[in-house]
Amino acid sequence: MWVFFSILGPLFWSISNIIDKYVLTKWVKKPLVPIVVTSIICLAVGLIIYSTVGFLYLSYLNVFLAILTGIITILIYVLYFKALQIQEASRVIPLFYLSPLFILILAAVFLNEVFTPLKYLGIFLVIGGTILISVKNFSKISFGKAFWWMILAAGLDAINAVLTKHLLNLADFWTIFGYKNIGMFIGSIPITYFYLDELIRTVKQYGKKVVIAISASETITLIGTLFFTIAMFIGYVTLTRTLSSIQPFFVLLFTLLLSIFYPLILKEELGKLVISQKILAIILMFIGVILIT
């Protein structure tokens, strides 16, 4: 089941990625604006979980840590978009998929997650395939500010994942997911303060469809995050996070389908060399997935 939920999470995230790309291309000019809508949804989700399912007991320290996972998630978003302001997406996105390497080390030290050599080979193949499927031109990757912003984001993601797994050993996934959403709301408060006016202007210009699209995207993202939280609750964080790295495969698949059947929504131009690179990446990823599972 952990394999199923590990794959289901990135499947939903990739759908959200496609919607986000459309929203940011057509309507929203500042990429942090959608977080204003995210904050409201996260608060609602946290309160709904608390009032319906309820939260299991955690010490004050662990409640703080659970809320901190949500705040860190928002910080990762900010670092990601800060990197995008400096360099194009094809240069910075692949760097985020180094996160499982950091998790591999942290989980071994703090969670005693140690595996067979074949599983480690699988982990490296999935990470290598993920980076290969995301990169358009390796020669363009530079060690500037954007590079270090993304390395920091990947490192924080690793800390977040290991911290979440620690908390999942103490309570159920509803409790941790609920606190995480409350943390995301708290982390979004400064962004809401600075970007609420921009969201209002965007809605006035393009109508309610902007909020509907953003809300749909963020809701799908949270569903994916819930599935991934369940995966971590059941399985090892090192393996679940590595499997979730196949998200670019789903993004590529959905992008190609839209390019073929609905090119007015989204169109991706791929040359023969790029297609060959993507195919090689997919092969590496799926061999890695087989070894891991």
Protein backbone atom coordinates (compact mmCIF):
# COMPACT_ATOMS: atom_id res chain seq x y z
CA MET A 1 0.00 0.00 0.00
CA TRP A 2 2.87 2.41 0.67
CA VAL A 3 3.93 2.02 -2.98
CA PHE A 4 0.39 2.78 -4.16
CA PHE A 5 0.07 5.95 -2.05
CA SER A 6 3.66 7.02 -2.86
CA ILE A 7 2.73 7.06 -6.55
CA LEU A 8 -0.78 8.44 -6.07
CA GLY A 9 0.61 11.54 -4.32
CA PRO A 10 2.81 12.75 -7.21
CA LEU A 11 0.04 11.84 -9.68
CA PHE A 12 -2.20 14.43 -8.03
CA TRP A 13 0.68 16.91 -7.67
CA SER A 14 1.38 16.68 -11.40
CA ILE A 15 -2.24 17.55 -12.21
CA SER A 16 -1.86 20.56 -9.94
CA ASN A 17 1.39 21.50 -11.73
CA ILE A 18 -0.44 21.59 -15.07
CA ILE A 19 -3.20 23.82 -13.67
CA ASP A 20 -0.61 26.09 -12.03
CA LYS A 21 1.29 26.42 -15.29
CA TYR A 22 -1.90 27.47 -17.08
CA VAL A 23 -2.86 29.94 -14.32
CA LEU A 24 0.60 31.53 -14.18
CA THR A 25 0.76 31.75 -17.98
CA LYS A 26 -2.71 33.18 -18.57
CA TRP A 27 -3.68 35.23 -15.53
CA VAL A 28 -1.37 35.48 -12.52
CA LYS A 29 1.89 37.37 -12.98
CA LYS A 30 3.36 36.93 -9.51
CA PRO A 31 3.86 33.26 -8.56
CA LEU A 32 3.34 33.75 -4.81
CA VAL A 33 -0.22 35.04 -5.30
CA PRO A 34 -1.81 31.54 -5.28
CA ILE A 35 -0.43 30.99 -1.76
CA VAL A 36 -3.00 33.55 -0.54
CA VAL A 37 -5.75 31.13 -1.62
CA THR A 38 -3.73 28.19 -0.28
CA SER A 39 -3.66 29.72 3.20
CA ILE A 40 -7.46 29.87 3.39
CA ILE A 41 -7.86 26.30 2.14
CA CYS A 42 -5.22 25.01 4.57
CA LEU A 43 -6.90 26.67 7.55
CA ALA A 44 -10.27 25.22 6.49
CA VAL A 45 -8.78 21.72 6.07
CA GLY A 46 -7.05 21.87 9.46
CA LEU A 47 -10.23 22.97 11.23
CA ILE A 48 -12.37 20.37 9.43
CA ILE A 49 -10.01 17.55 10.42
CA TYR A 50 -9.94 18.79 14.02
CA SER A 51 -13.74 19.04 14.27
CA THR A 52 -14.54 15.74 12.51
CA VAL A 53 -11.68 13.27 12.99
CA GLY A 54 -9.96 14.98 15.91
CA PHE A 55 -6.28 15.23 16.80
CA LEU A 56 -4.49 12.56 18.82
CA TYR A 57 -2.48 13.69 21.84
CA LEU A 58 0.99 15.09 21.19
CA SER A 59 3.32 16.89 23.58
CA TYR A 60 3.63 20.65 23.19
CA LEU A 61 7.02 20.19 21.56
CA ASN A 62 5.66 17.74 18.98
CA VAL A 63 2.64 19.96 18.27
CA PHE A 64 5.10 22.76 17.58
CA LEU A 65 7.15 20.47 15.31
CA ALA A 66 4.02 19.35 13.44
CA ILE A 67 3.00 22.97 12.83
CA LEU A 68 6.62 23.73 11.87
CA THR A 69 6.41 21.18 9.01
CA GLY A 70 3.69 23.34 7.46
CA ILE A 71 5.67 26.57 7.92
CA ILE A 72 8.73 24.92 6.34
CA THR A 73 6.56 23.83 3.37
CA ILE A 74 5.63 27.46 2.68
CA LEU A 75 9.29 28.50 3.05
CA ILE A 76 10.22 25.88 0.43
CA TYR A 77 7.64 27.41 -1.94
CA VAL A 78 9.19 30.86 -1.41
CA LEU A 79 12.73 29.58 -2.07
CA TYR A 80 11.53 27.76 -5.18
CA PHE A 81 9.87 30.84 -6.66
CA LYS A 82 12.83 33.02 -5.64
CA ALA A 83 15.07 30.71 -7.68
CA LEU A 84 12.65 30.91 -10.62
CA GLN A 85 12.95 34.71 -10.57
CA ILE A 86 16.69 34.33 -11.18
CA GLN A 87 16.82 31.43 -13.65
CA GLU A 88 14.42 29.56 -15.92
CA ALA A 89 12.49 26.57 -14.61
CA SER A 90 14.43 23.97 -16.62
CA ARG A 91 17.61 24.98 -14.77
CA VAL A 92 16.32 25.01 -11.20
CA ILE A 93 13.52 22.41 -10.95
CA PRO A 94 15.83 19.36 -11.40
CA LEU A 95 17.89 20.50 -8.40
CA PHE A 96 14.92 20.02 -6.09
CA TYR A 97 14.95 16.29 -6.86
CA LEU A 98 18.22 15.98 -4.99
CA SER A 99 16.05 15.98 -1.87
CA PRO A 100 15.89 12.14 -1.60
CA LEU A 101 19.70 12.06 -1.36
CA PHE A 102 19.55 14.28 1.73
CA ILE A 103 16.67 12.20 3.11
CA LEU A 104 18.69 9.02 2.57
CA ILE A 105 21.42 10.36 4.87
CA LEU A 106 19.15 11.95 7.49
CA ALA A 107 16.79 8.96 7.70
CA ALA A 108 19.72 6.57 8.15
CA VAL A 109 21.11 8.68 11.01
CA PHE A 110 17.90 9.66 12.83
CA LEU A 111 15.39 6.95 11.85
CA ASN A 112 17.73 3.99 11.38
CA GLU A 113 16.49 3.42 7.82
CA VAL A 114 19.16 1.25 6.20
CA PHE A 115 18.56 -0.84 3.08
CA THR A 116 20.15 -3.45 0.82
CA PRO A 117 22.58 -2.38 -1.94
CA LEU A 118 19.93 -3.15 -4.61
CA LYS A 119 17.46 -0.73 -3.02
CA TYR A 120 20.13 1.97 -2.86
CA LEU A 121 20.85 1.35 -6.55
CA GLY A 122 17.13 1.75 -7.21
CA ILE A 123 17.07 5.02 -5.28
CA PHE A 124 19.96 6.44 -7.32
CA LEU A 125 18.38 5.30 -10.60
CA VAL A 126 15.08 6.99 -9.75
CA ILE A 127 16.83 10.21 -8.73
CA GLY A 128 19.04 10.11 -11.84
CA GLY A 129 16.05 9.48 -14.09
CA THR A 130 14.07 12.25 -12.43
CA ILE A 131 16.85 14.78 -12.96
CA LEU A 132 17.36 13.60 -16.54
CA ILE A 133 13.66 13.95 -17.38
CA SER A 134 13.60 17.48 -15.91
CA VAL A 135 16.79 18.91 -17.41
CA LYS A 136 16.70 20.42 -20.89
CA ASN A 137 20.36 21.33 -21.11
CA PHE A 138 22.94 20.22 -18.52
CA SER A 139 25.43 22.81 -19.75
CA LYS A 140 23.09 25.61 -18.62
CA ILE A 141 23.05 24.56 -14.97
CA SER A 142 25.22 27.05 -13.11
CA PHE A 143 26.29 27.48 -9.51
CA GLY A 144 24.73 30.89 -9.03
CA LYS A 145 22.25 32.12 -6.42
CA ALA A 146 19.37 30.11 -7.91
CA PHE A 147 21.40 26.90 -7.53
CA TRP A 148 21.96 27.50 -3.83
CA TRP A 149 18.35 28.55 -3.23
CA MET A 150 17.24 25.21 -4.67
CA ILE A 151 19.83 23.22 -2.72
CA LEU A 152 18.51 24.93 0.43
CA ALA A 153 14.94 24.10 -0.62
CA ALA A 154 15.90 20.44 -1.21
CA GLY A 155 17.63 20.31 2.17
CA LEU A 156 14.61 21.78 3.95
CA ASP A 157 12.36 19.31 2.13
CA ALA A 158 14.53 16.47 3.44
CA ILE A 159 14.40 17.80 7.00
CA ASN A 160 10.65 18.23 6.65
CA ALA A 161 10.16 14.66 5.42
CA VAL A 162 12.26 13.10 8.20
CA LEU A 163 10.57 15.28 10.81
CA THR A 164 7.14 14.27 9.47
CA LYS A 165 8.06 10.58 9.64
CA HIS A 166 9.21 11.04 13.24
CA LEU A 167 5.82 12.58 14.09
CA LEU A 168 3.94 9.84 12.23
CA ASN A 169 5.57 7.37 14.61
CA LEU A 170 3.80 9.22 17.45
CA ALA A 171 0.33 9.91 15.99
CA ASP A 172 -1.92 9.05 13.05
CA PHE A 173 -1.68 10.68 9.63
CA TRP A 174 -4.86 12.76 10.17
CA THR A 175 -3.34 14.47 13.19
CA ILE A 176 -0.04 15.27 11.51
CA PHE A 177 -1.72 16.32 8.25
CA GLY A 178 -4.12 18.56 10.17
CA TYR A 179 -1.36 20.29 12.12
CA LYS A 180 0.68 20.64 8.92
CA ASN A 181 -2.18 22.52 7.27
CA ILE A 182 -2.48 24.85 10.25
CA GLY A 183 1.26 25.45 9.97
CA MET A 184 0.93 26.23 6.27
CA PHE A 185 -1.76 28.79 7.12
CA ILE A 186 0.52 30.42 9.71
CA GLY A 187 3.47 30.39 7.30
CA SER A 188 1.31 32.02 4.63
CA ILE A 189 0.28 35.01 6.75
CA PRO A 190 3.19 37.29 5.63
CA ILE A 191 2.60 36.33 1.98
CA THR A 192 -1.13 37.03 2.32
CA TYR A 193 -0.30 40.46 3.77
CA PHE A 194 1.88 41.41 0.79
CA TYR A 195 -0.03 39.72 -2.05
CA LEU A 196 -3.73 39.93 -1.14
CA ASP A 197 -4.13 43.19 -3.07
CA GLU A 198 -2.51 41.58 -6.13
CA LEU A 199 -4.96 38.66 -5.94
CA ILE A 200 -7.90 41.08 -5.70
CA ARG A 201 -6.63 43.02 -8.74
CA THR A 202 -6.21 39.80 -10.70
CA VAL A 203 -9.74 38.65 -9.86
CA LYS A 204 -11.16 42.05 -10.86
CA GLN A 205 -9.35 41.81 -14.19
CA TYR A 206 -10.05 38.19 -15.10
CA GLY A 207 -13.03 37.22 -12.92
CA LYS A 208 -13.78 34.50 -10.37
CA LYS A 209 -12.40 31.80 -12.65
CA VAL A 210 -8.93 32.70 -11.33
CA VAL A 211 -9.88 31.84 -7.74
CA ILE A 212 -11.73 28.72 -8.89
CA ALA A 213 -8.71 27.46 -10.84
CA ILE A 214 -6.26 28.24 -8.02
CA SER A 215 -8.58 26.64 -5.44
CA ALA A 216 -8.91 23.52 -7.58
CA SER A 217 -5.14 23.31 -7.99
CA GLU A 218 -4.40 23.77 -4.29
CA THR A 219 -7.12 21.31 -3.26
CA ILE A 220 -5.65 18.69 -5.61
CA THR A 221 -2.19 19.42 -4.16
CA LEU A 222 -3.45 18.87 -0.62
CA ILE A 223 -5.13 15.60 -1.62
CA GLY A 224 -1.81 14.47 -3.07
CA THR A 225 -0.05 15.55 0.14
CA LEU A 226 -2.55 13.55 2.21
CA PHE A 227 -1.85 10.45 0.10
CA PHE A 228 1.88 10.97 0.50
CA THR A 229 1.47 11.43 4.25
CA ILE A 230 -0.37 8.09 4.36
CA ALA A 231 2.50 6.53 2.38
CA MET A 232 5.04 7.81 4.92
CA PHE A 233 2.82 6.59 7.76
CA ILE A 234 2.92 3.07 6.30
CA GLY A 235 6.40 2.84 4.78
CA TYR A 236 9.96 4.15 5.00
CA VAL A 237 10.36 7.86 4.34
CA THR A 238 13.50 7.27 2.22
CA LEU A 239 11.66 4.96 -0.19
CA THR A 240 8.35 6.82 -0.26
CA ARG A 241 10.04 10.17 -0.97
CA THR A 242 12.17 8.58 -3.68
CA LEU A 243 9.10 7.09 -5.37
CA SER A 244 7.31 10.44 -5.18
CA SER A 245 10.15 11.86 -7.30
CA ILE A 246 8.56 10.29 -10.39
CA GLN A 247 6.26 13.31 -10.45
CA PRO A 248 8.03 14.79 -13.55
CA PHE A 249 7.05 11.64 -15.47
CA PHE A 250 3.36 12.35 -14.84
CA VAL A 251 3.85 16.04 -15.66
CA LEU A 252 5.48 15.07 -18.98
CA LEU A 253 2.71 12.56 -19.72
CA PHE A 254 -0.11 15.04 -19.06
CA THR A 255 1.71 17.79 -20.96
CA LEU A 256 2.12 15.56 -24.02
CA LEU A 257 -1.54 14.52 -23.91
CA LEU A 258 -2.66 18.15 -23.69
CA SER A 259 -0.27 19.12 -26.48
CA ILE A 260 -1.81 16.47 -28.73
CA PHE A 261 -5.51 16.78 -27.88
CA TYR A 262 -5.85 20.30 -26.40
CA PRO A 263 -2.96 22.40 -27.76
CA LEU A 264 -4.80 25.66 -27.02
CA ILE A 265 -4.53 24.89 -23.29
CA LEU A 266 -0.91 23.78 -23.25
CA LYS A 267 1.59 22.90 -25.94
CA GLU A 268 5.06 21.42 -25.51
CA GLU A 269 7.54 21.31 -28.37
CA LEU A 270 9.91 18.34 -28.16
CA GLY A 271 12.72 17.53 -30.59
CA LYS A 272 14.05 14.04 -31.30
CA LEU A 273 17.06 14.51 -28.99
CA VAL A 274 14.86 15.65 -26.11
CA ILE A 275 12.44 12.75 -26.67
CA SER A 276 15.34 10.29 -26.58
CA GLN A 277 16.55 11.84 -23.33
CA LYS A 278 13.06 11.57 -21.80
CA ILE A 279 12.71 7.92 -22.84
CA LEU A 280 16.10 7.07 -21.29
CA ALA A 281 15.07 8.89 -18.12
CA ILE A 282 11.79 6.97 -17.92
CA ILE A 283 13.61 3.65 -18.35
CA LEU A 284 16.03 4.53 -15.53
CA MET A 285 13.17 5.60 -13.29
CA PHE A 286 11.13 2.46 -13.81
CA ILE A 287 14.10 0.15 -13.28
CA GLY A 288 14.75 2.06 -10.07
CA VAL A 289 11.10 1.72 -8.99
CA ILE A 290 11.25 -2.06 -9.56
CA LEU A 291 14.41 -2.36 -7.46
CA ILE A 292 12.94 -0.25 -4.66
CA THR A 293 9.65 -2.12 -4.47
